[in-house]
Amino acid sequence: MGTEIALMRLFPHFTGASIGPLIKLTIDFDPSIVHGAFVGCAVAFGCFSAAAMDIIEKAHFGDLDYVKHALTFFNDFAAVFVIILIIMLKNAGEKEEKKKKKRN
């Protein structure tokens, strides 16, 4: 169990290190996108009742590894955040391109 706890503590650091460059790019482009992505992710994550029910079902059948379940939940949150961030960044880029075309 000690190894799992250590992995649980390291996992957010590695996730942040991999997401960091994308967040920097987004902040350089438009900082409000990061806030929008985080709020959108929080709303989507609030709807993750199916994932929570899956964890409850696993526990009911004897899988009581709460560390693994926490890592799964965190990984899901990070994945949704990245997807929303990329979509919002892409949309903002397309809007910027349309503005440039209208000016020219």
PDB file of N, CA and C in Angstrom:
ATOM      1  N   MET A   1       0.822  -1.193   0.000  1.00  0.00           N
ATOM      2  CA  MET A   1       0.000   0.000   0.000  1.00  0.00           C
ATOM      3  C   MET A   1       0.863   1.253   0.000  1.00  0.00           C
ATOM      4  N   GLY A   2       2.084   1.192   0.533  1.00  0.00           N
ATOM      5  CA  GLY A   2       2.960   2.349   0.571  1.00  0.00           C
ATOM      6  C   GLY A   2       3.356   2.821  -0.821  1.00  0.00           C
ATOM      7  N   THR A   3       3.571   1.870  -1.736  1.00  0.00           N
ATOM      8  CA  THR A   3       3.920   2.231  -3.111  1.00  0.00           C
ATOM      9  C   THR A   3       2.766   2.957  -3.783  1.00  0.00           C
ATOM     10  N   GLU A   4       1.563   2.492  -3.531  1.00  0.00           N
ATOM     11  CA  GLU A   4       0.388   3.133  -4.135  1.00  0.00           C
ATOM     12  C   GLU A   4       0.218   4.558  -3.625  1.00  0.00           C
ATOM     13  N   ILE A   5       0.453   4.764  -2.353  1.00  0.00           N
ATOM     14  CA  ILE A   5       0.349   6.118  -1.788  1.00  0.00           C
ATOM     15  C   ILE A   5       1.406   7.025  -2.417  1.00  0.00           C
ATOM     16  N   ALA A   6       2.612   6.504  -2.589  1.00  0.00           N
ATOM     17  CA  ALA A   6       3.677   7.287  -3.219  1.00  0.00           C
ATOM     18  C   ALA A   6       3.296   7.650  -4.652  1.00  0.00           C
ATOM     19  N   LEU A   7       2.731   6.688  -5.377  1.00  0.00           N
ATOM     20  CA  LEU A   7       2.281   6.966  -6.745  1.00  0.00           C
ATOM     21  C   LEU A   7       1.156   8.000  -6.752  1.00  0.00           C
ATOM     22  N   MET A   8       0.288   7.906  -5.785  1.00  0.00           N
ATOM     23  CA  MET A   8      -0.807   8.865  -5.710  1.00  0.00           C
ATOM     24  C   MET A   8      -0.272  10.278  -5.475  1.00  0.00           C
ATOM     25  N   ARG A   9       0.785  10.395  -4.728  1.00  0.00           N
ATOM     26  CA  ARG A   9       1.380  11.712  -4.476  1.00  0.00           C
ATOM     27  C   ARG A   9       2.155  12.228  -5.683  1.00  0.00           C
ATOM     28  N   LEU A  10       2.755  11.338  -6.463  1.00  0.00           N
ATOM     29  CA  LEU A  10       3.538  11.750  -7.623  1.00  0.00           C
ATOM     30  C   LEU A  10       2.680  12.010  -8.862  1.00  0.00           C
ATOM     31  N   PHE A  11       1.577  11.318  -8.974  1.00  0.00           N
ATOM     32  CA  PHE A  11       0.744  11.398 -10.175  1.00  0.00           C
ATOM     33  C   PHE A  11       0.317  12.824 -10.511  1.00  0.00           C
ATOM     34  N   PRO A  12      -0.165  13.623  -9.560  1.00  0.00           N
ATOM     35  CA  PRO A  12      -0.540  15.001  -9.901  1.00  0.00           C
ATOM     36  C   PRO A  12       0.640  15.839 -10.401  1.00  0.00           C
ATOM     37  N   HIS A  13       1.825  15.584  -9.888  1.00  0.00           N
ATOM     38  CA  HIS A  13       2.997  16.336 -10.333  1.00  0.00           C
ATOM     39  C   HIS A  13       3.315  16.027 -11.792  1.00  0.00           C
ATOM     40  N   PHE A  14       3.280  14.736 -12.144  1.00  0.00           N
ATOM     41  CA  PHE A  14       3.541  14.356 -13.532  1.00  0.00           C
ATOM     42  C   PHE A  14       2.443  14.862 -14.457  1.00  0.00           C
ATOM     43  N   THR A  15       1.208  14.813 -13.997  1.00  0.00           N
ATOM     44  CA  THR A  15       0.101  15.315 -14.805  1.00  0.00           C
ATOM     45  C   THR A  15       0.253  16.815 -15.025  1.00  0.00           C
ATOM     46  N   GLY A  16       0.563  17.536 -13.968  1.00  0.00           N
ATOM     47  CA  GLY A  16       0.760  18.982 -14.094  1.00  0.00           C
ATOM     48  C   GLY A  16       1.921  19.322 -15.002  1.00  0.00           C
ATOM     49  N   ALA A  17       2.981  18.543 -14.925  1.00  0.00           N
ATOM     50  CA  ALA A  17       4.144  18.793 -15.784  1.00  0.00           C
ATOM     51  C   ALA A  17       3.798  18.572 -17.250  1.00  0.00           C
ATOM     52  N   SER A  18       2.931  17.620 -17.524  1.00  0.00           N
ATOM     53  CA  SER A  18       2.574  17.357 -18.915  1.00  0.00           C
ATOM     54  C   SER A  18       1.529  18.339 -19.430  1.00  0.00           C
ATOM     55  N   ILE A  19       0.666  18.841 -18.563  1.00  0.00           N
ATOM     56  CA  ILE A  19      -0.370  19.790 -18.965  1.00  0.00           C
ATOM     57  C   ILE A  19       0.168  21.222 -18.960  1.00  0.00           C
ATOM     58  N   GLY A  20       1.212  21.482 -18.212  1.00  0.00           N
ATOM     59  CA  GLY A  20       1.768  22.824 -18.053  1.00  0.00           C
ATOM     60  C   GLY A  20       2.031  23.575 -19.353  1.00  0.00           C
ATOM     61  N   PRO A  21       2.725  22.955 -20.326  1.00  0.00           N
ATOM     62  CA  PRO A  21       2.973  23.680 -21.579  1.00  0.00           C
ATOM     63  C   PRO A  21       1.691  24.071 -22.325  1.00  0.00           C
ATOM     64  N   LEU A  22       0.686  23.212 -22.275  1.00  0.00           N
ATOM     65  CA  LEU A  22      -0.593  23.536 -22.918  1.00  0.00           C
ATOM     66  C   LEU A  22      -1.259  24.715 -22.223  1.00  0.00           C
ATOM     67  N   ILE A  23      -1.209  24.734 -20.899  1.00  0.00           N
ATOM     68  CA  ILE A  23      -1.804  25.848 -20.151  1.00  0.00           C
ATOM     69  C   ILE A  23      -1.035  27.139 -20.436  1.00  0.00           C
ATOM     70  N   LYS A  24       0.295  27.065 -20.522  1.00  0.00           N
ATOM     71  CA  LYS A  24       1.091  28.265 -20.838  1.00  0.00           C
ATOM     72  C   LYS A  24       0.724  28.804 -22.213  1.00  0.00           C
ATOM     73  N   LEU A  25       0.605  27.925 -23.191  1.00  0.00           N
ATOM     74  CA  LEU A  25       0.211  28.336 -24.537  1.00  0.00           C
ATOM     75  C   LEU A  25      -1.146  29.030 -24.517  1.00  0.00           C
ATOM     76  N   THR A  26      -2.072  28.458 -23.768  1.00  0.00           N
ATOM     77  CA  THR A  26      -3.414  29.023 -23.685  1.00  0.00           C
ATOM     78  C   THR A  26      -3.395  30.382 -22.993  1.00  0.00           C
ATOM     79  N   ILE A  27      -2.648  30.506 -21.917  1.00  0.00           N
ATOM     80  CA  ILE A  27      -2.564  31.789 -21.205  1.00  0.00           C
ATOM     81  C   ILE A  27      -1.949  32.852 -22.106  1.00  0.00           C
ATOM     82  N   ASP A  28      -0.935  32.475 -22.885  1.00  0.00           N
ATOM     83  CA  ASP A  28      -0.328  33.427 -23.809  1.00  0.00           C
ATOM     84  C   ASP A  28      -1.324  33.885 -24.867  1.00  0.00           C
ATOM     85  N   PHE A  29      -2.219  32.997 -25.264  1.00  0.00           N
ATOM     86  CA  PHE A  29      -3.216  33.332 -26.288  1.00  0.00           C
ATOM     87  C   PHE A  29      -4.374  34.133 -25.705  1.00  0.00           C
ATOM     88  N   ASP A  30      -5.006  33.576 -24.657  1.00  0.00           N
ATOM     89  CA  ASP A  30      -6.134  34.249 -24.004  1.00  0.00           C
ATOM     90  C   ASP A  30      -6.336  33.622 -22.621  1.00  0.00           C
ATOM     91  N   PRO A  31      -5.977  34.333 -21.545  1.00  0.00           N
ATOM     92  CA  PRO A  31      -6.057  33.759 -20.191  1.00  0.00           C
ATOM     93  C   PRO A  31      -7.467  33.347 -19.771  1.00  0.00           C
ATOM     94  N   SER A  32      -8.481  33.958 -20.326  1.00  0.00           N
ATOM     95  CA  SER A  32      -9.845  33.618 -19.900  1.00  0.00           C
ATOM     96  C   SER A  32     -10.238  32.207 -20.324  1.00  0.00           C
ATOM     97  N   ILE A  33      -9.549  31.654 -21.306  1.00  0.00           N
ATOM     98  CA  ILE A  33      -9.866  30.295 -21.756  1.00  0.00           C
ATOM     99  C   ILE A  33      -9.586  29.288 -20.647  1.00  0.00           C
ATOM    100  N   VAL A  34      -8.511  29.495 -19.901  1.00  0.00           N
ATOM    101  CA  VAL A  34      -8.162  28.557 -18.822  1.00  0.00           C
ATOM    102  C   VAL A  34      -9.266  28.545 -17.767  1.00  0.00           C
ATOM    103  N   HIS A  35      -9.763  29.725 -17.407  1.00  0.00           N
ATOM    104  CA  HIS A  35     -10.841  29.793 -16.412  1.00  0.00           C
ATOM    105  C   HIS A  35     -12.109  29.117 -16.940  1.00  0.00           C
ATOM    106  N   GLY A  36     -12.422  29.383 -18.186  1.00  0.00           N
ATOM    107  CA  GLY A  36     -13.603  28.755 -18.786  1.00  0.00           C
ATOM    108  C   GLY A  36     -13.490  27.249 -18.844  1.00  0.00           C
ATOM    109  N   ALA A  37     -12.302  26.765 -19.192  1.00  0.00           N
ATOM    110  CA  ALA A  37     -12.082  25.318 -19.252  1.00  0.00           C
ATOM    111  C   ALA A  37     -12.197  24.686 -17.873  1.00  0.00           C
ATOM    112  N   PHE A  38     -11.663  25.375 -16.871  1.00  0.00           N
ATOM    113  CA  PHE A  38     -11.739  24.832 -15.510  1.00  0.00           C
ATOM    114  C   PHE A  38     -13.188  24.777 -15.024  1.00  0.00           C
ATOM    115  N   VAL A  39     -13.939  25.830 -15.275  1.00  0.00           N
ATOM    116  CA  VAL A  39     -15.349  25.842 -14.861  1.00  0.00           C
ATOM    117  C   VAL A  39     -16.124  24.775 -15.620  1.00  0.00           C
ATOM    118  N   GLY A  40     -15.887  24.681 -16.928  1.00  0.00           N
ATOM    119  CA  GLY A  40     -16.554  23.650 -17.722  1.00  0.00           C
ATOM    120  C   GLY A  40     -16.213  22.255 -17.244  1.00  0.00           C
ATOM    121  N   CYS A  41     -14.962  22.071 -16.885  1.00  0.00           N
ATOM    122  CA  CYS A  41     -14.516  20.772 -16.375  1.00  0.00           C
ATOM    123  C   CYS A  41     -15.169  20.467 -15.029  1.00  0.00           C
ATOM    124  N   ALA A  42     -15.261  21.476 -14.174  1.00  0.00           N
ATOM    125  CA  ALA A  42     -15.891  21.277 -12.863  1.00  0.00           C
ATOM    126  C   ALA A  42     -17.353  20.891 -13.023  1.00  0.00           C
ATOM    127  N   VAL A  43     -18.031  21.524 -13.961  1.00  0.00           N
ATOM    128  CA  VAL A  43     -19.440  21.185 -14.212  1.00  0.00           C
ATOM    129  C   VAL A  43     -19.543  19.761 -14.756  1.00  0.00           C
ATOM    130  N   ALA A  44     -18.689  19.436 -15.729  1.00  0.00           N
ATOM    131  CA  ALA A  44     -18.710  18.085 -16.294  1.00  0.00           C
ATOM    132  C   ALA A  44     -18.358  17.049 -15.231  1.00  0.00           C
ATOM    133  N   PHE A  45     -17.383  17.371 -14.393  1.00  0.00           N
ATOM    134  CA  PHE A  45     -16.955  16.438 -13.358  1.00  0.00           C
ATOM    135  C   PHE A  45     -18.056  16.241 -12.321  1.00  0.00           C
ATOM    136  N   GLY A  46     -18.843  17.293 -12.097  1.00  0.00           N
ATOM    137  CA  GLY A  46     -19.985  17.167 -11.196  1.00  0.00           C
ATOM    138  C   GLY A  46     -20.999  16.156 -11.700  1.00  0.00           C
ATOM    139  N   CYS A  47     -20.976  15.938 -12.997  1.00  0.00           N
ATOM    140  CA  CYS A  47     -21.898  14.977 -13.611  1.00  0.00           C
ATOM    141  C   CYS A  47     -21.301  13.572 -13.710  1.00  0.00           C
ATOM    142  N   PHE A  48     -20.163  13.354 -13.092  1.00  0.00           N
ATOM    143  CA  PHE A  48     -19.499  12.056 -13.168  1.00  0.00           C
ATOM    144  C   PHE A  48     -20.123  11.048 -12.197  1.00  0.00           C
ATOM    145  N   SER A  49     -21.395  11.133 -12.004  1.00  0.00           N
ATOM    146  CA  SER A  49     -22.030  10.222 -11.059  1.00  0.00           C
ATOM    147  C   SER A  49     -21.865   8.775 -11.501  1.00  0.00           C
ATOM    148  N   ALA A  50     -21.766   8.544 -12.820  1.00  0.00           N
ATOM    149  CA  ALA A  50     -21.576   7.170 -13.306  1.00  0.00           C
ATOM    150  C   ALA A  50     -20.242   6.626 -12.824  1.00  0.00           C
ATOM    151  N   ALA A  51     -19.200   7.467 -12.842  1.00  0.00           N
ATOM    152  CA  ALA A  51     -17.878   7.012 -12.370  1.00  0.00           C
ATOM    153  C   ALA A  51     -17.928   6.714 -10.880  1.00  0.00           C
ATOM    154  N   ALA A  52     -18.622   7.569 -10.144  1.00  0.00           N
ATOM    155  CA  ALA A  52     -18.738   7.332  -8.704  1.00  0.00           C
ATOM    156  C   ALA A  52     -19.509   6.048  -8.437  1.00  0.00           C
ATOM    157  N   MET A  53     -20.539   5.813  -9.203  1.00  0.00           N
ATOM    158  CA  MET A  53     -21.319   4.583  -9.015  1.00  0.00           C
ATOM    159  C   MET A  53     -20.483   3.363  -9.377  1.00  0.00           C
ATOM    160  N   ASP A  54     -19.607   3.497 -10.367  1.00  0.00           N
ATOM    161  CA  ASP A  54     -18.718   2.397 -10.740  1.00  0.00           C
ATOM    162  C   ASP A  54     -17.778   2.067  -9.583  1.00  0.00           C
ATOM    163  N   ILE A  55     -17.254   3.101  -8.921  1.00  0.00           N
ATOM    164  CA  ILE A  55     -16.372   2.889  -7.774  1.00  0.00           C
ATOM    165  C   ILE A  55     -17.128   2.218  -6.638  1.00  0.00           C
ATOM    166  N   ILE A  56     -18.348   2.654  -6.397  1.00  0.00           N
ATOM    167  CA  ILE A  56     -19.165   2.042  -5.346  1.00  0.00           C
ATOM    168  C   ILE A  56     -19.424   0.580  -5.669  1.00  0.00           C
ATOM    169  N   GLU A  57     -19.705   0.297  -6.943  1.00  0.00           N
ATOM    170  CA  GLU A  57     -19.963  -1.094  -7.341  1.00  0.00           C
ATOM    171  C   GLU A  57     -18.711  -1.953  -7.156  1.00  0.00           C
ATOM    172  N   LYS A  58     -17.539  -1.406  -7.525  1.00  0.00           N
ATOM    173  CA  LYS A  58     -16.290  -2.148  -7.336  1.00  0.00           C
ATOM    174  C   LYS A  58     -16.058  -2.434  -5.848  1.00  0.00           C
ATOM    175  N   ALA A  59     -16.320  -1.447  -5.006  1.00  0.00           N
ATOM    176  CA  ALA A  59     -16.149  -1.633  -3.563  1.00  0.00           C
ATOM    177  C   ALA A  59     -17.116  -2.691  -3.041  1.00  0.00           C
ATOM    178  N   HIS A  60     -18.313  -2.682  -3.585  1.00  0.00           N
ATOM    179  CA  HIS A  60     -19.314  -3.668  -3.165  1.00  0.00           C
ATOM    180  C   HIS A  60     -18.841  -5.087  -3.471  1.00  0.00           C
ATOM    181  N   PHE A  61     -18.112  -5.235  -4.587  1.00  0.00           N
ATOM    182  CA  PHE A  61     -17.619  -6.560  -4.960  1.00  0.00           C
ATOM    183  C   PHE A  61     -16.227  -6.853  -4.414  1.00  0.00           C
ATOM    184  N   GLY A  62     -15.743  -6.020  -3.488  1.00  0.00           N
ATOM    185  CA  GLY A  62     -14.513  -6.332  -2.781  1.00  0.00           C
ATOM    186  C   GLY A  62     -13.289  -5.541  -3.192  1.00  0.00           C
ATOM    187  N   ASP A  63     -13.374  -4.713  -4.227  1.00  0.00           N
ATOM    188  CA  ASP A  63     -12.227  -3.903  -4.641  1.00  0.00           C
ATOM    189  C   ASP A  63     -12.213  -2.633  -3.792  1.00  0.00           C
ATOM    190  N   LEU A  64     -11.504  -2.675  -2.670  1.00  0.00           N
ATOM    191  CA  LEU A  64     -11.476  -1.563  -1.722  1.00  0.00           C
ATOM    192  C   LEU A  64     -10.210  -0.720  -1.851  1.00  0.00           C
ATOM    193  N   ASP A  65      -9.565  -0.767  -3.000  1.00  0.00           N
ATOM    194  CA  ASP A  65      -8.332  -0.014  -3.224  1.00  0.00           C
ATOM    195  C   ASP A  65      -8.673   1.452  -3.489  1.00  0.00           C
ATOM    196  N   TYR A  66      -8.825   2.219  -2.419  1.00  0.00           N
ATOM    197  CA  TYR A  66      -9.254   3.607  -2.543  1.00  0.00           C
ATOM    198  C   TYR A  66      -8.212   4.474  -3.246  1.00  0.00           C
ATOM    199  N   VAL A  67      -6.950   4.087  -3.167  1.00  0.00           N
ATOM    200  CA  VAL A  67      -5.897   4.857  -3.840  1.00  0.00           C
ATOM    201  C   VAL A  67      -6.079   4.747  -5.351  1.00  0.00           C
ATOM    202  N   LYS A  68      -6.303   3.548  -5.838  1.00  0.00           N
ATOM    203  CA  LYS A  68      -6.515   3.344  -7.275  1.00  0.00           C
ATOM    204  C   LYS A  68      -7.753   4.102  -7.738  1.00  0.00           C
ATOM    205  N   HIS A  69      -8.788   4.090  -6.934  1.00  0.00           N
ATOM    206  CA  HIS A  69     -10.022   4.800  -7.298  1.00  0.00           C
ATOM    207  C   HIS A  69      -9.798   6.306  -7.329  1.00  0.00           C
ATOM    208  N   ALA A  70      -9.030   6.822  -6.379  1.00  0.00           N
ATOM    209  CA  ALA A  70      -8.734   8.258  -6.365  1.00  0.00           C
ATOM    210  C   ALA A  70      -7.904   8.654  -7.579  1.00  0.00           C
ATOM    211  N   LEU A  71      -6.922   7.821  -7.938  1.00  0.00           N
ATOM    212  CA  LEU A  71      -6.112   8.101  -9.120  1.00  0.00           C
ATOM    213  C   LEU A  71      -6.952   8.071 -10.393  1.00  0.00           C
ATOM    214  N   THR A  72      -7.861   7.141 -10.465  1.00  0.00           N
ATOM    215  CA  THR A  72      -8.755   7.059 -11.632  1.00  0.00           C
ATOM    216  C   THR A  72      -9.602   8.316 -11.736  1.00  0.00           C
ATOM    217  N   PHE A  73     -10.139   8.751 -10.614  1.00  0.00           N
ATOM    218  CA  PHE A  73     -10.966   9.960 -10.582  1.00  0.00           C
ATOM    219  C   PHE A  73     -10.145  11.181 -10.987  1.00  0.00           C
ATOM    220  N   PHE A  74      -8.941  11.313 -10.450  1.00  0.00           N
ATOM    221  CA  PHE A  74      -8.080  12.445 -10.788  1.00  0.00           C
ATOM    222  C   PHE A  74      -7.709  12.424 -12.264  1.00  0.00           C
ATOM    223  N   ASN A  75      -7.373  11.241 -12.773  1.00  0.00           N
ATOM    224  CA  ASN A  75      -7.013  11.104 -14.177  1.00  0.00           C
ATOM    225  C   ASN A  75      -8.185  11.505 -15.074  1.00  0.00           C
ATOM    226  N   ASP A  76      -9.388  11.106 -14.713  1.00  0.00           N
ATOM    227  CA  ASP A  76     -10.573  11.490 -15.478  1.00  0.00           C
ATOM    228  C   ASP A  76     -10.746  13.007 -15.484  1.00  0.00           C
ATOM    229  N   PHE A  77     -10.561  13.632 -14.336  1.00  0.00           N
ATOM    230  CA  PHE A  77     -10.700  15.080 -14.228  1.00  0.00           C
ATOM    231  C   PHE A  77      -9.674  15.780 -15.115  1.00  0.00           C
ATOM    232  N   ALA A  78      -8.424  15.330 -15.062  1.00  0.00           N
ATOM    233  CA  ALA A  78      -7.364  15.941 -15.870  1.00  0.00           C
ATOM    234  C   ALA A  78      -7.636  15.756 -17.355  1.00  0.00           C
ATOM    235  N   ALA A  79      -8.100  14.584 -17.742  1.00  0.00           N
ATOM    236  CA  ALA A  79      -8.391  14.322 -19.158  1.00  0.00           C
ATOM    237  C   ALA A  79      -9.519  15.211 -19.661  1.00  0.00           C
ATOM    238  N   VAL A  80     -10.566  15.365 -18.876  1.00  0.00           N
ATOM    239  CA  VAL A  80     -11.681  16.225 -19.281  1.00  0.00           C
ATOM    240  C   VAL A  80     -11.206  17.673 -19.375  1.00  0.00           C
ATOM    241  N   PHE A  81     -10.392  18.119 -18.433  1.00  0.00           N
ATOM    242  CA  PHE A  81      -9.867  19.485 -18.459  1.00  0.00           C
ATOM    243  C   PHE A  81      -9.070  19.734 -19.730  1.00  0.00           C
ATOM    244  N   VAL A  82      -8.191  18.814 -20.093  1.00  0.00           N
ATOM    245  CA  VAL A  82      -7.369  18.976 -21.291  1.00  0.00           C
ATOM    246  C   VAL A  82      -8.242  19.016 -22.545  1.00  0.00           C
ATOM    247  N   ILE A  83      -9.223  18.152 -22.628  1.00  0.00           N
ATOM    248  CA  ILE A  83     -10.102  18.125 -23.800  1.00  0.00           C
ATOM    249  C   ILE A  83     -10.862  19.443 -23.925  1.00  0.00           C
ATOM    250  N   ILE A  84     -11.431  19.922 -22.835  1.00  0.00           N
ATOM    251  CA  ILE A  84     -12.173  21.186 -22.870  1.00  0.00           C
ATOM    252  C   ILE A  84     -11.236  22.339 -23.212  1.00  0.00           C
ATOM    253  N   LEU A  85     -10.042  22.340 -22.640  1.00  0.00           N
ATOM    254  CA  LEU A  85      -9.071  23.398 -22.906  1.00  0.00           C
ATOM    255  C   LEU A  85      -8.699  23.428 -24.390  1.00  0.00           C
ATOM    256  N   ILE A  86      -8.450  22.281 -24.983  1.00  0.00           N
ATOM    257  CA  ILE A  86      -8.088  22.210 -26.396  1.00  0.00           C
ATOM    258  C   ILE A  86      -9.241  22.685 -27.276  1.00  0.00           C
ATOM    259  N   ILE A  87     -10.447  22.265 -26.967  1.00  0.00           N
ATOM    260  CA  ILE A  87     -11.609  22.699 -27.749  1.00  0.00           C
ATOM    261  C   ILE A  87     -11.768  24.212 -27.676  1.00  0.00           C
ATOM    262  N   MET A  88     -11.670  24.765 -26.459  1.00  0.00           N
ATOM    263  CA  MET A  88     -11.829  26.209 -26.306  1.00  0.00           C
ATOM    264  C   MET A  88     -10.698  26.979 -26.995  1.00  0.00           C
ATOM    265  N   LEU A  89      -9.482  26.466 -26.933  1.00  0.00           N
ATOM    266  CA  LEU A  89      -8.353  27.110 -27.597  1.00  0.00           C
ATOM    267  C   LEU A  89      -8.532  27.075 -29.113  1.00  0.00           C
ATOM    268  N   LYS A  90      -8.977  25.953 -29.618  1.00  0.00           N
ATOM    269  CA  LYS A  90      -9.222  25.822 -31.059  1.00  0.00           C
ATOM    270  C   LYS A  90     -10.311  26.799 -31.507  1.00  0.00           C
ATOM    271  N   ASN A  91     -11.396  26.872 -30.754  1.00  0.00           N
ATOM    272  CA  ASN A  91     -12.482  27.790 -31.102  1.00  0.00           C
ATOM    273  C   ASN A  91     -12.024  29.244 -31.065  1.00  0.00           C
ATOM    274  N   ALA A  92     -11.221  29.592 -30.066  1.00  0.00           N
ATOM    275  CA  ALA A  92     -10.712  30.963 -29.967  1.00  0.00           C
ATOM    276  C   ALA A  92      -9.785  31.269 -31.141  1.00  0.00           C
ATOM    277  N   GLY A  93      -8.990  30.315 -31.541  1.00  0.00           N
ATOM    278  CA  GLY A  93      -8.104  30.499 -32.693  1.00  0.00           C
ATOM    279  C   GLY A  93      -8.884  30.695 -33.977  1.00  0.00           C
ATOM    280  N   GLU A  94      -9.962  29.930 -34.144  1.00  0.00           N
ATOM    281  CA  GLU A  94     -10.798  30.072 -35.331  1.00  0.00           C
ATOM    282  C   GLU A  94     -11.490  31.430 -35.354  1.00  0.00           C
ATOM    283  N   LYS A  95     -11.937  31.915 -34.210  1.00  0.00           N
ATOM    284  CA  LYS A  95     -12.553  33.242 -34.136  1.00  0.00           C
ATOM    285  C   LYS A  95     -11.546  34.317 -34.498  1.00  0.00           C
ATOM    286  N   GLU A  96     -10.317  34.158 -34.035  1.00  0.00           N
ATOM    287  CA  GLU A  96      -9.263  35.130 -34.338  1.00  0.00           C
ATOM    288  C   GLU A  96      -8.969  35.150 -35.840  1.00  0.00           C
ATOM    289  N   GLU A  97      -8.953  33.965 -36.459  1.00  0.00           N
ATOM    290  CA  GLU A  97      -8.725  33.883 -37.904  1.00  0.00           C
ATOM    291  C   GLU A  97      -9.843  34.584 -38.675  1.00  0.00           C
ATOM    292  N   LYS A  98     -11.095  34.407 -38.230  1.00  0.00           N
ATOM    293  CA  LYS A  98     -12.225  35.057 -38.903  1.00  0.00           C
ATOM    294  C   LYS A  98     -12.124  36.566 -38.779  1.00  0.00           C
ATOM    295  N   LYS A  99     -11.707  37.060 -37.605  1.00  0.00           N
ATOM    296  CA  LYS A  99     -11.539  38.501 -37.418  1.00  0.00           C
ATOM    297  C   LYS A  99     -10.465  39.040 -38.354  1.00  0.00           C
ATOM    298  N   LYS A 100      -9.367  38.309 -38.495  1.00  0.00           N
ATOM    299  CA  LYS A 100      -8.282  38.747 -39.385  1.00  0.00           C
ATOM    300  C   LYS A 100      -8.745  38.787 -40.840  1.00  0.00           C
ATOM    301  N   LYS A 101      -9.541  37.799 -41.235  1.00  0.00           N
ATOM    302  CA  LYS A 101     -10.037  37.766 -42.612  1.00  0.00           C
ATOM    303  C   LYS A 101     -10.991  38.923 -42.897  1.00  0.00           C
ATOM    304  N   LYS A 102     -11.816  39.278 -41.912  1.00  0.00           N
ATOM    305  CA  LYS A 102     -12.749  40.381 -42.072  1.00  0.00           C
ATOM    306  C   LYS A 102     -12.020  41.709 -42.185  1.00  0.00           C
ATOM    307  N   ARG A 103     -10.915  41.862 -41.454  1.00  0.00           N
ATOM    308  CA  ARG A 103     -10.139  43.090 -41.508  1.00  0.00           C
ATOM    309  C   ARG A 103      -9.439  43.262 -42.844  1.00  0.00           C
ATOM    310  N   ASN A 104      -9.050  42.151 -43.448  1.00  0.00           N
ATOM    311  CA  ASN A 104      -8.307  42.223 -44.725  1.00  0.00           C
ATOM    312  C   ASN A 104      -9.220  42.220 -45.872  1.00  0.00           C
TER     313      ASN A 104
END
